[in-house]
C-alpha cells in the first residue's frame, strides 16, 4: 500500500515554488514538477496561476523552458516569507472577516 502524503497548504506550495526559483536563479519545468508532484499540478500552479498572474516569466533557451521571478513574484515571495501578513490577507479573502480572528 502506497503511503498517502499530507495535503499541503497553498501558501506553503507557493512559497516552496517561488523560493526554489529565487535560490537557484531560475528553474526548469522538471524542477517545478518535482516540487509539485505531477504534471497536472504543474499545469494548475504554473500555467493557471503563477504565469497567468505574472508572478513568474517563462523563457525558452536551447529548447528548455526556464522560469524566473518577475518583480510581482519577488513581492509575493516577500509577503509569503512574512507569515503575519499572509495570514491577514487570507483572512480577508474569506466570505467575511471573522470577529474571532480579530
PDB file of N, CA and C in Angstrom:
ATOM      1  N   UNK A   1       0.833  -1.179   0.000  1.00  0.00           N
ATOM      2  CA  UNK A   1       0.000   0.000   0.000  1.00  0.00           C
ATOM      3  C   UNK A   1       0.880   1.247   0.000  1.00  0.00           C
ATOM      4  N   UNK A   2       0.594   2.159  -0.872  1.00  0.00           N
ATOM      5  CA  UNK A   2       1.372   3.382  -1.028  1.00  0.00           C
ATOM      6  C   UNK A   2       1.004   4.394   0.057  1.00  0.00           C
ATOM      7  N   UNK A   3       2.004   4.998   0.732  1.00  0.00           N
ATOM      8  CA  UNK A   3       1.675   5.975   1.775  1.00  0.00           C
ATOM      9  C   UNK A   3       1.042   7.229   1.184  1.00  0.00           C
ATOM     10  N   UNK A   4       0.079   7.763   1.895  1.00  0.00           N
ATOM     11  CA  UNK A   4      -0.605   8.979   1.462  1.00  0.00           C
ATOM     12  C   UNK A   4       0.099  10.163   2.100  1.00  0.00           C
ATOM     13  N   UNK A   5       0.461  11.131   1.283  1.00  0.00           N
ATOM     14  CA  UNK A   5       1.143  12.302   1.825  1.00  0.00           C
ATOM     15  C   UNK A   5       0.118  13.290   2.381  1.00  0.00           C
ATOM     16  N   UNK A   6       0.575  14.094   3.319  1.00  0.00           N
ATOM     17  CA  UNK A   6      -0.278  15.120   3.917  1.00  0.00           C
ATOM     18  C   UNK A   6      -0.589  16.187   2.873  1.00  0.00           C
ATOM     19  N   UNK A   7      -1.822  16.674   2.837  1.00  0.00           N
ATOM     20  CA  UNK A   7      -2.123  17.769   1.928  1.00  0.00           C
ATOM     21  C   UNK A   7      -1.346  19.009   2.353  1.00  0.00           C
ATOM     22  N   UNK A   8      -0.846  19.738   1.366  1.00  0.00           N
ATOM     23  CA  UNK A   8      -0.077  20.946   1.656  1.00  0.00           C
ATOM     24  C   UNK A   8      -0.954  22.167   1.491  1.00  0.00           C
ATOM     25  N   UNK A   9      -0.678  23.145   2.300  1.00  0.00           N
ATOM     26  CA  UNK A   9      -1.367  24.420   2.259  1.00  0.00           C
ATOM     27  C   UNK A   9      -0.945  25.172   0.989  1.00  0.00           C
ATOM     28  N   UNK A  10      -1.869  25.812   0.265  1.00  0.00           N
ATOM     29  CA  UNK A  10      -1.498  26.560  -0.939  1.00  0.00           C
ATOM     30  C   UNK A  10      -0.435  27.629  -0.686  1.00  0.00           C
ATOM     31  N   UNK A  11      -0.464  28.258   0.479  1.00  0.00           N
ATOM     32  CA  UNK A  11       0.556  29.260   0.807  1.00  0.00           C
ATOM     33  C   UNK A  11       1.925  28.588   0.873  1.00  0.00           C
ATOM     34  N   UNK A  12       1.980  27.401   1.454  1.00  0.00           N
ATOM     35  CA  UNK A  12       3.231  26.659   1.572  1.00  0.00           C
ATOM     36  C   UNK A  12       3.751  26.252   0.185  1.00  0.00           C
ATOM     37  N   UNK A  13       2.864  25.814  -0.680  1.00  0.00           N
ATOM     38  CA  UNK A  13       3.265  25.402  -2.032  1.00  0.00           C
ATOM     39  C   UNK A  13       3.821  26.595  -2.801  1.00  0.00           C
ATOM     40  N   UNK A  14       3.113  27.713  -2.773  1.00  0.00           N
ATOM     41  CA  UNK A  14       3.587  28.910  -3.478  1.00  0.00           C
ATOM     42  C   UNK A  14       4.946  29.343  -2.939  1.00  0.00           C
ATOM     43  N   UNK A  15       5.108  29.283  -1.631  1.00  0.00           N
ATOM     44  CA  UNK A  15       6.385  29.660  -1.017  1.00  0.00           C
ATOM     45  C   UNK A  15       7.508  28.735  -1.488  1.00  0.00           C
ATOM     46  N   UNK A  16       7.249  27.426  -1.531  1.00  0.00           N
ATOM     47  CA  UNK A  16       8.263  26.477  -1.992  1.00  0.00           C
ATOM     48  C   UNK A  16       8.665  26.741  -3.436  1.00  0.00           C
ATOM     49  N   UNK A  17       7.686  26.969  -4.292  1.00  0.00           N
ATOM     50  CA  UNK A  17       7.976  27.203  -5.708  1.00  0.00           C
ATOM     51  C   UNK A  17       8.791  28.474  -5.907  1.00  0.00           C
ATOM     52  N   UNK A  18       8.323  29.575  -5.340  1.00  0.00           N
ATOM     53  CA  UNK A  18       9.000  30.855  -5.536  1.00  0.00           C
ATOM     54  C   UNK A  18      10.366  30.878  -4.861  1.00  0.00           C
ATOM     55  N   UNK A  19      10.489  30.260  -3.701  1.00  0.00           N
ATOM     56  CA  UNK A  19      11.788  30.198  -3.014  1.00  0.00           C
ATOM     57  C   UNK A  19      12.796  29.411  -3.841  1.00  0.00           C
ATOM     58  N   UNK A  20      12.361  28.291  -4.415  1.00  0.00           N
ATOM     59  CA  UNK A  20      13.262  27.488  -5.241  1.00  0.00           C
ATOM     60  C   UNK A  20      13.768  28.314  -6.421  1.00  0.00           C
ATOM     61  N   UNK A  21      12.855  29.016  -7.090  1.00  0.00           N
ATOM     62  CA  UNK A  21      13.250  29.829  -8.245  1.00  0.00           C
ATOM     63  C   UNK A  21      14.234  30.914  -7.813  1.00  0.00           C
ATOM     64  N   UNK A  22      13.961  31.575  -6.691  1.00  0.00           N
ATOM     65  CA  UNK A  22      14.848  32.634  -6.211  1.00  0.00           C
ATOM     66  C   UNK A  22      16.223  32.082  -5.827  1.00  0.00           C
ATOM     67  N   UNK A  23      16.247  31.018  -5.049  1.00  0.00           N
ATOM     68  CA  UNK A  23      17.507  30.460  -4.556  1.00  0.00           C
ATOM     69  C   UNK A  23      18.397  29.920  -5.661  1.00  0.00           C
ATOM     70  N   UNK A  24      17.795  29.447  -6.748  1.00  0.00           N
ATOM     71  CA  UNK A  24      18.565  28.844  -7.838  1.00  0.00           C
ATOM     72  C   UNK A  24      18.717  29.766  -9.045  1.00  0.00           C
ATOM     73  N   UNK A  25      18.216  30.974  -8.947  1.00  0.00           N
ATOM     74  CA  UNK A  25      18.316  31.902 -10.070  1.00  0.00           C
ATOM     75  C   UNK A  25      17.461  31.497 -11.253  1.00  0.00           C
ATOM     76  N   UNK A  26      16.479  30.652 -11.019  1.00  0.00           N
ATOM     77  CA  UNK A  26      15.584  30.161 -12.067  1.00  0.00           C
ATOM     78  C   UNK A  26      15.294  28.691 -11.834  1.00  0.00           C
ATOM     79  N   UNK A  27      14.400  28.149 -12.639  1.00  0.00           N
ATOM     80  CA  UNK A  27      14.031  26.739 -12.501  1.00  0.00           C
ATOM     81  C   UNK A  27      13.597  26.203 -13.851  1.00  0.00           C
ATOM     82  N   UNK A  28      13.797  24.906 -14.028  1.00  0.00           N
ATOM     83  CA  UNK A  28      13.300  24.248 -15.233  1.00  0.00           C
ATOM     84  C   UNK A  28      11.915  23.679 -14.932  1.00  0.00           C
ATOM     85  N   UNK A  29      11.253  23.263 -15.969  1.00  0.00           N
ATOM     86  CA  UNK A  29       9.932  22.634 -15.818  1.00  0.00           C
ATOM     87  C   UNK A  29      10.037  21.424 -14.888  1.00  0.00           C
ATOM     88  N   UNK A  30      11.082  20.625 -15.080  1.00  0.00           N
ATOM     89  CA  UNK A  30      11.256  19.423 -14.282  1.00  0.00           C
ATOM     90  C   UNK A  30      11.494  19.760 -12.806  1.00  0.00           C
ATOM     91  N   UNK A  31      12.257  20.812 -12.525  1.00  0.00           N
ATOM     92  CA  UNK A  31      12.472  21.241 -11.139  1.00  0.00           C
ATOM     93  C   UNK A  31      11.132  21.506 -10.449  1.00  0.00           C
ATOM     94  N   UNK A  32      10.254  22.204 -11.141  1.00  0.00           N
ATOM     95  CA  UNK A  32       8.968  22.576 -10.553  1.00  0.00           C
ATOM     96  C   UNK A  32       8.024  21.383 -10.446  1.00  0.00           C
ATOM     97  N   UNK A  33       8.069  20.474 -11.416  1.00  0.00           N
ATOM     98  CA  UNK A  33       7.254  19.259 -11.338  1.00  0.00           C
ATOM     99  C   UNK A  33       7.671  18.420 -10.134  1.00  0.00           C
ATOM    100  N   UNK A  34       8.966  18.363  -9.841  1.00  0.00           N
ATOM    101  CA  UNK A  34       9.435  17.603  -8.673  1.00  0.00           C
ATOM    102  C   UNK A  34       8.863  18.191  -7.387  1.00  0.00           C
ATOM    103  N   UNK A  35       8.752  19.494  -7.304  1.00  0.00           N
ATOM    104  CA  UNK A  35       8.173  20.129  -6.114  1.00  0.00           C
ATOM    105  C   UNK A  35       6.675  19.858  -6.040  1.00  0.00           C
ATOM    106  N   UNK A  36       5.993  19.949  -7.185  1.00  0.00           N
ATOM    107  CA  UNK A  36       4.538  19.809  -7.214  1.00  0.00           C
ATOM    108  C   UNK A  36       4.053  18.364  -7.207  1.00  0.00           C
ATOM    109  N   UNK A  37       4.845  17.465  -7.740  1.00  0.00           N
ATOM    110  CA  UNK A  37       4.479  16.054  -7.706  1.00  0.00           C
ATOM    111  C   UNK A  37       4.017  15.457  -9.022  1.00  0.00           C
ATOM    112  N   UNK A  38       3.379  16.261  -9.889  1.00  0.00           N
ATOM    113  CA  UNK A  38       2.941  15.719 -11.174  1.00  0.00           C
ATOM    114  C   UNK A  38       2.658  16.854 -12.169  1.00  0.00           C
ATOM    115  N   UNK A  39       2.475  16.481 -13.429  1.00  0.00           N
ATOM    116  CA  UNK A  39       2.275  17.480 -14.473  1.00  0.00           C
ATOM    117  C   UNK A  39       0.912  18.174 -14.373  1.00  0.00           C
ATOM    118  N   UNK A  40      -0.060  17.484 -13.822  1.00  0.00           N
ATOM    119  CA  UNK A  40      -1.373  18.117 -13.644  1.00  0.00           C
ATOM    120  C   UNK A  40      -1.273  19.297 -12.669  1.00  0.00           C
ATOM    121  N   UNK A  41      -0.571  19.076 -11.558  1.00  0.00           N
ATOM    122  CA  UNK A  41      -0.372  20.164 -10.603  1.00  0.00           C
ATOM    123  C   UNK A  41       0.487  21.268 -11.212  1.00  0.00           C
ATOM    124  N   UNK A  42       1.445  20.886 -12.054  1.00  0.00           N
ATOM    125  CA  UNK A  42       2.254  21.884 -12.752  1.00  0.00           C
ATOM    126  C   UNK A  42       1.346  22.796 -13.576  1.00  0.00           C
ATOM    127  N   UNK A  43       0.439  22.205 -14.333  1.00  0.00           N
ATOM    128  CA  UNK A  43      -0.491  22.996 -15.140  1.00  0.00           C
ATOM    129  C   UNK A  43      -1.353  23.902 -14.287  1.00  0.00           C
ATOM    130  N   UNK A  44      -1.824  23.375 -13.170  1.00  0.00           N
ATOM    131  CA  UNK A  44      -2.671  24.150 -12.267  1.00  0.00           C
ATOM    132  C   UNK A  44      -1.901  25.330 -11.667  1.00  0.00           C
ATOM    133  N   UNK A  45      -0.737  25.058 -11.098  1.00  0.00           N
ATOM    134  CA  UNK A  45       0.020  26.083 -10.390  1.00  0.00           C
ATOM    135  C   UNK A  45       0.788  27.023 -11.325  1.00  0.00           C
ATOM    136  N   UNK A  46       1.499  26.454 -12.278  1.00  0.00           N
ATOM    137  CA  UNK A  46       2.383  27.282 -13.108  1.00  0.00           C
ATOM    138  C   UNK A  46       1.588  27.971 -14.212  1.00  0.00           C
ATOM    139  N   UNK A  47       0.924  27.188 -15.067  1.00  0.00           N
ATOM    140  CA  UNK A  47       0.182  27.783 -16.178  1.00  0.00           C
ATOM    141  C   UNK A  47      -1.059  28.541 -15.709  1.00  0.00           C
ATOM    142  N   UNK A  48      -1.799  27.950 -14.779  1.00  0.00           N
ATOM    143  CA  UNK A  48      -3.074  28.527 -14.368  1.00  0.00           C
ATOM    144  C   UNK A  48      -2.987  29.627 -13.327  1.00  0.00           C
ATOM    145  N   UNK A  49      -1.839  29.782 -12.677  1.00  0.00           N
ATOM    146  CA  UNK A  49      -1.743  30.787 -11.624  1.00  0.00           C
ATOM    147  C   UNK A  49      -0.492  31.661 -11.761  1.00  0.00           C
ATOM    148  N   UNK A  50       0.686  31.093 -11.571  1.00  0.00           N
ATOM    149  CA  UNK A  50       1.897  31.917 -11.496  1.00  0.00           C
ATOM    150  C   UNK A  50       2.238  32.615 -12.809  1.00  0.00           C
ATOM    151  N   UNK A  51       2.112  31.922 -13.933  1.00  0.00           N
ATOM    152  CA  UNK A  51       2.355  32.581 -15.232  1.00  0.00           C
ATOM    153  C   UNK A  51       1.201  33.518 -15.591  1.00  0.00           C
ATOM    154  N   UNK A  52      -0.002  33.037 -15.402  1.00  0.00           N
ATOM    155  CA  UNK A  52      -1.191  33.813 -15.761  1.00  0.00           C
ATOM    156  C   UNK A  52      -1.236  35.157 -15.028  1.00  0.00           C
ATOM    157  N   UNK A  53      -0.878  35.139 -13.739  1.00  0.00           N
ATOM    158  CA  UNK A  53      -0.913  36.363 -12.943  1.00  0.00           C
ATOM    159  C   UNK A  53       0.431  37.088 -12.914  1.00  0.00           C
ATOM    160  N   UNK A  54       1.356  36.633 -13.770  1.00  0.00           N
ATOM    161  CA  UNK A  54       2.656  37.280 -13.981  1.00  0.00           C
ATOM    162  C   UNK A  54       3.527  37.358 -12.723  1.00  0.00           C
ATOM    163  N   UNK A  55       3.517  36.279 -11.924  1.00  0.00           N
ATOM    164  CA  UNK A  55       4.432  36.174 -10.793  1.00  0.00           C
ATOM    165  C   UNK A  55       5.753  35.557 -11.226  1.00  0.00           C
ATOM    166  N   UNK A  56       5.717  34.791 -12.329  1.00  0.00           N
ATOM    167  CA  UNK A  56       6.928  34.236 -12.920  1.00  0.00           C
ATOM    168  C   UNK A  56       6.875  34.467 -14.424  1.00  0.00           C
ATOM    169  N   UNK A  57       8.050  34.385 -15.050  1.00  0.00           N
ATOM    170  CA  UNK A  57       8.155  34.523 -16.505  1.00  0.00           C
ATOM    171  C   UNK A  57       8.767  33.242 -17.060  1.00  0.00           C
ATOM    172  N   UNK A  58       8.325  32.870 -18.250  1.00  0.00           N
ATOM    173  CA  UNK A  58       8.833  31.671 -18.920  1.00  0.00           C
ATOM    174  C   UNK A  58       9.715  32.097 -20.080  1.00  0.00           C
ATOM    175  N   UNK A  59      10.838  31.416 -20.210  1.00  0.00           N
ATOM    176  CA  UNK A  59      11.757  31.697 -21.312  1.00  0.00           C
ATOM    177  C   UNK A  59      12.245  30.364 -21.857  1.00  0.00           C
ATOM    178  N   UNK A  60      12.424  30.269 -23.162  1.00  0.00           N
ATOM    179  CA  UNK A  60      12.938  29.049 -23.762  1.00  0.00           C
ATOM    180  C   UNK A  60      14.367  29.298 -24.227  1.00  0.00           C
ATOM    181  N   UNK A  61      15.290  28.492 -23.695  1.00  0.00           N
ATOM    182  CA  UNK A  61      16.701  28.567 -24.069  1.00  0.00           C
ATOM    183  C   UNK A  61      17.138  27.193 -24.539  1.00  0.00           C
ATOM    184  N   UNK A  62      17.631  27.118 -25.750  1.00  0.00           N
ATOM    185  CA  UNK A  62      18.105  25.850 -26.318  1.00  0.00           C
ATOM    186  C   UNK A  62      17.077  24.732 -26.169  1.00  0.00           C
ATOM    187  N   UNK A  63      15.805  25.065 -26.357  1.00  0.00           N
ATOM    188  CA  UNK A  63      14.739  24.075 -26.291  1.00  0.00           C
ATOM    189  C   UNK A  63      14.289  23.719 -24.882  1.00  0.00           C
ATOM    190  N   UNK A  64      14.849  24.366 -23.881  1.00  0.00           N
ATOM    191  CA  UNK A  64      14.480  24.092 -22.492  1.00  0.00           C
ATOM    192  C   UNK A  64      13.743  25.293 -21.922  1.00  0.00           C
ATOM    193  N   UNK A  65      12.562  25.026 -21.352  1.00  0.00           N
ATOM    194  CA  UNK A  65      11.797  26.096 -20.712  1.00  0.00           C
ATOM    195  C   UNK A  65      12.361  26.369 -19.332  1.00  0.00           C
ATOM    196  N   UNK A  66      12.611  27.641 -19.054  1.00  0.00           N
ATOM    197  CA  UNK A  66      13.072  28.030 -17.725  1.00  0.00           C
ATOM    198  C   UNK A  66      12.130  29.102 -17.180  1.00  0.00           C
ATOM    199  N   UNK A  67      12.075  29.174 -15.869  1.00  0.00           N
ATOM    200  CA  UNK A  67      11.156  30.091 -15.197  1.00  0.00           C
ATOM    201  C   UNK A  67      11.944  30.967 -14.236  1.00  0.00           C
ATOM    202  N   UNK A  68      11.596  32.252 -14.216  1.00  0.00           N
ATOM    203  CA  UNK A  68      12.247  33.196 -13.316  1.00  0.00           C
ATOM    204  C   UNK A  68      11.187  34.073 -12.660  1.00  0.00           C
ATOM    205  N   UNK A  69      11.562  34.691 -11.544  1.00  0.00           N
ATOM    206  CA  UNK A  69      10.639  35.565 -10.835  1.00  0.00           C
ATOM    207  C   UNK A  69      10.516  36.907 -11.547  1.00  0.00           C
ATOM    208  N   UNK A  70       9.334  37.441 -11.564  1.00  0.00           N
ATOM    209  CA  UNK A  70       9.093  38.808 -12.025  1.00  0.00           C
ATOM    210  C   UNK A  70       9.128  39.703 -10.785  1.00  0.00           C
ATOM    211  N   UNK A  71       9.100  41.032 -10.961  1.00  0.00           N
ATOM    212  CA  UNK A  71       9.009  41.901  -9.776  1.00  0.00           C
ATOM    213  C   UNK A  71       7.796  41.566  -8.901  1.00  0.00           C
ATOM    214  N   UNK A  72       6.661  41.221  -9.513  1.00  0.00           N
ATOM    215  CA  UNK A  72       5.483  40.822  -8.728  1.00  0.00           C
ATOM    216  C   UNK A  72       5.734  39.516  -7.980  1.00  0.00           C
ATOM    217  N   UNK A  73       6.463  38.605  -8.587  1.00  0.00           N
ATOM    218  CA  UNK A  73       6.812  37.350  -7.933  1.00  0.00           C
ATOM    219  C   UNK A  73       7.736  37.581  -6.751  1.00  0.00           C
ATOM    220  N   UNK A  74       8.675  38.511  -6.903  1.00  0.00           N
ATOM    221  CA  UNK A  74       9.568  38.857  -5.793  1.00  0.00           C
ATOM    222  C   UNK A  74       8.768  39.454  -4.635  1.00  0.00           C
ATOM    223  N   UNK A  75       7.796  40.299  -4.952  1.00  0.00           N
ATOM    224  CA  UNK A  75       6.945  40.891  -3.919  1.00  0.00           C
ATOM    225  C   UNK A  75       6.113  39.812  -3.224  1.00  0.00           C
ATOM    226  N   UNK A  76       5.511  38.918  -4.008  1.00  0.00           N
ATOM    227  CA  UNK A  76       4.714  37.841  -3.419  1.00  0.00           C
ATOM    228  C   UNK A  76       5.578  36.977  -2.505  1.00  0.00           C
ATOM    229  N   UNK A  77       6.789  36.671  -2.914  1.00  0.00           N
ATOM    230  CA  UNK A  77       7.670  35.862  -2.086  1.00  0.00           C
ATOM    231  C   UNK A  77       7.991  36.577  -0.775  1.00  0.00           C
ATOM    232  N   UNK A  78       8.236  37.879  -0.834  1.00  0.00           N
ATOM    233  CA  UNK A  78       8.486  38.635   0.406  1.00  0.00           C
ATOM    234  C   UNK A  78       7.277  38.567   1.329  1.00  0.00           C
ATOM    235  N   UNK A  79       6.076  38.664   0.765  1.00  0.00           N
ATOM    236  CA  UNK A  79       4.856  38.565   1.572  1.00  0.00           C
ATOM    237  C   UNK A  79       4.681  37.172   2.163  1.00  0.00           C
ATOM    238  N   UNK A  80       5.005  36.158   1.368  1.00  0.00           N
ATOM    239  CA  UNK A  80       4.886  34.777   1.852  1.00  0.00           C
ATOM    240  C   UNK A  80       5.863  34.509   2.993  1.00  0.00           C
ATOM    241  N   UNK A  81       7.025  35.144   2.934  1.00  0.00           N
ATOM    242  CA  UNK A  81       8.017  34.965   3.996  1.00  0.00           C
ATOM    243  C   UNK A  81       7.557  35.607   5.300  1.00  0.00           C
ATOM    244  N   UNK A  82       6.676  36.595   5.209  1.00  0.00           N
ATOM    245  CA  UNK A  82       6.143  37.257   6.396  1.00  0.00           C
ATOM    246  C   UNK A  82       4.791  36.618   6.714  1.00  0.00           C
ATOM    247  N   UNK A  83       4.784  35.625   7.581  1.00  0.00           N
ATOM    248  CA  UNK A  83       3.578  34.870   7.887  1.00  0.00           C
ATOM    249  C   UNK A  83       2.428  35.714   8.395  1.00  0.00           C
ATOM    250  N   UNK A  84       2.709  36.764   9.167  1.00  0.00           N
ATOM    251  CA  UNK A  84       1.638  37.601   9.703  1.00  0.00           C
ATOM    252  C   UNK A  84       0.855  38.299   8.598  1.00  0.00           C
ATOM    253  N   UNK A  85       1.560  38.813   7.612  1.00  0.00           N
ATOM    254  CA  UNK A  85       0.894  39.497   6.502  1.00  0.00           C
ATOM    255  C   UNK A  85       0.031  38.519   5.723  1.00  0.00           C
ATOM    256  N   UNK A  86       0.554  37.328   5.447  1.00  0.00           N
ATOM    257  CA  UNK A  86      -0.213  36.353   4.667  1.00  0.00           C
ATOM    258  C   UNK A  86      -1.435  35.853   5.429  1.00  0.00           C
ATOM    259  N   UNK A  87      -1.312  35.651   6.729  1.00  0.00           N
ATOM    260  CA  UNK A  87      -2.491  35.238   7.495  1.00  0.00           C
ATOM    261  C   UNK A  87      -3.578  36.306   7.415  1.00  0.00           C
ATOM    262  N   UNK A  88      -3.191  37.561   7.487  1.00  0.00           N
ATOM    263  CA  UNK A  88      -4.167  38.651   7.390  1.00  0.00           C
ATOM    264  C   UNK A  88      -4.808  38.694   6.012  1.00  0.00           C
ATOM    265  N   UNK A  89      -4.010  38.523   4.982  1.00  0.00           N
ATOM    266  CA  UNK A  89      -4.540  38.554   3.611  1.00  0.00           C
ATOM    267  C   UNK A  89      -5.504  37.392   3.388  1.00  0.00           C
ATOM    268  N   UNK A  90      -5.145  36.186   3.827  1.00  0.00           N
ATOM    269  CA  UNK A  90      -6.037  35.045   3.617  1.00  0.00           C
ATOM    270  C   UNK A  90      -7.310  35.186   4.440  1.00  0.00           C
ATOM    271  N   UNK A  91      -7.204  35.791   5.612  1.00  0.00           N
ATOM    272  CA  UNK A  91      -8.402  36.032   6.419  1.00  0.00           C
ATOM    273  C   UNK A  91      -9.339  37.002   5.707  1.00  0.00           C
ATOM    274  N   UNK A  92      -8.773  38.024   5.082  1.00  0.00           N
ATOM    275  CA  UNK A  92      -9.591  38.985   4.337  1.00  0.00           C
ATOM    276  C   UNK A  92     -10.205  38.367   3.087  1.00  0.00           C
ATOM    277  N   UNK A  93      -9.568  37.327   2.547  1.00  0.00           N
ATOM    278  CA  UNK A  93     -10.038  36.698   1.325  1.00  0.00           C
ATOM    279  C   UNK A  93     -11.267  35.828   1.506  1.00  0.00           C
ATOM    280  N   UNK A  94     -11.676  35.576   2.750  1.00  0.00           N
ATOM    281  CA  UNK A  94     -12.844  34.749   3.014  1.00  0.00           C
ATOM    282  C   UNK A  94     -14.129  35.499   2.731  1.00  0.00           C
ATOM    283  N   UNK A  95     -15.250  34.823   2.944  1.00  0.00           N
ATOM    284  CA  UNK A  95     -16.552  35.455   2.706  1.00  0.00           C
ATOM    285  C   UNK A  95     -16.762  36.653   3.611  1.00  0.00           C
ATOM    286  N   UNK A  96     -16.310  36.534   4.821  1.00  0.00           N
ATOM    287  CA  UNK A  96     -16.426  37.657   5.743  1.00  0.00           C
ATOM    288  C   UNK A  96     -15.298  37.562   6.748  1.00  0.00           C
ATOM    289  N   UNK A  97     -14.945  38.682   7.275  1.00  0.00           N
ATOM    290  CA  UNK A  97     -13.888  38.729   8.282  1.00  0.00           C
ATOM    291  C   UNK A  97     -14.478  38.266   9.600  1.00  0.00           C
ATOM    292  N   UNK A  98     -13.931  37.205  10.148  1.00  0.00           N
ATOM    293  CA  UNK A  98     -14.465  36.648  11.388  1.00  0.00           C
ATOM    294  C   UNK A  98     -14.093  37.522  12.571  1.00  0.00           C
ATOM    295  N   UNK A  99     -15.071  37.780  13.424  1.00  0.00           N
ATOM    296  CA  UNK A  99     -14.810  38.567  14.622  1.00  0.00           C
ATOM    297  C   UNK A  99     -13.808  37.857  15.530  1.00  0.00           C
ATOM    298  N   UNK A 100     -13.876  36.530  15.595  1.00  0.00           N
ATOM    299  CA  UNK A 100     -12.974  35.793  16.462  1.00  0.00           C
ATOM    300  C   UNK A 100     -11.520  35.910  16.004  1.00  0.00           C
ATOM    301  N   UNK A 101     -11.315  36.173  14.732  1.00  0.00           N
ATOM    302  CA  UNK A 101      -9.959  36.315  14.210  1.00  0.00           C
ATOM    303  C   UNK A 101      -9.371  37.678  14.525  1.00  0.00           C
ATOM    304  N   UNK A 102     -10.218  38.632  14.874  1.00  0.00           N
ATOM    305  CA  UNK A 102      -9.742  39.972  15.188  1.00  0.00           C
ATOM    306  C   UNK A 102      -9.254  39.950  16.567  1.00  0.00           C
TER     307      UNK A 102
END
